[in-house]
């Protein structure tokens, strides 16, 4: 066996990750995945009745991505059981926890139990690769939620970070008329270099009426109540940012605008590919730990 690893909870990506790691001759102990069909009868996967049993013979524990949705329990959609963050930290005392989207409060709990946390979502290689699935998932949402083809549509992307860059390029490949909104002069230059139209995100207003689809990637409110008054009644709004998002949800509801808040797209639209990305990143982490 190459490694002994415990996997606790997680979504379809994590279930597929467990089978991929097991197929590569790692010994995998799982807890909180009992309803997943992916791990049934898989060689090298040991299903455990308790978290204590799952982690007793390992140094590395893999947790959910995101780790928790409520700040109290860890995400275990493939289980009827619940596991509090505090209970998990207490059980994995003095081990290494690899999970994703971990809040500062969880780091404090981990310190109390001498748990070393590695937030895999902060790894640059995974963040970059995840943008591909996010971009493709966003395009899928746009196609499914409009009654017109994307070709020739006017699309505004708010933010020009990793996701904005990849998404703009893919949309342009579909002959979409892409405008990117940013703040920095260097971003303006890159947007023009890529051949997209550019606008200043601080100067959004009446120009918002020009767009058929507006996609937000910025993790704070950009489309305020004031700015949403300018968008078309039939505009499609897609918010890719984590809570609270970048679009005023109350105004959207009052105006009866169409909004899709698309969180964790890689796990939803491409769980197998996402699991591959996570697996490769975990191997990179293990190399660093055991070098």
Foldseek 3Di string as FASTA:
>chain_A
DPFEEEEEAADLLSLLLQLVCVVVVYQYEYELQVQDPSPPPRHNYHYDPDVLVRQVPHQEYEAYVVQDDPQFWGHRPNHPDTHGLLNNLQSNAQGEYEYADDDPVSVVSNVVRNYHYDHLCPDPLLVLVLLLLVLVLVVVVVVVQDPDDQAAFEEEEEDCDSNNVNNQLVSVVSNHQYEYEDADPVVCVVCVVSPHHYDHLVPQALCQCRGQEYEYDDQAASADLRRVVNHDLAHEYEFAHDPPTHHDPVSCVVSVYHYHDDYPSCCVRPSNVSSVSSSVSVVVVVVVVVD
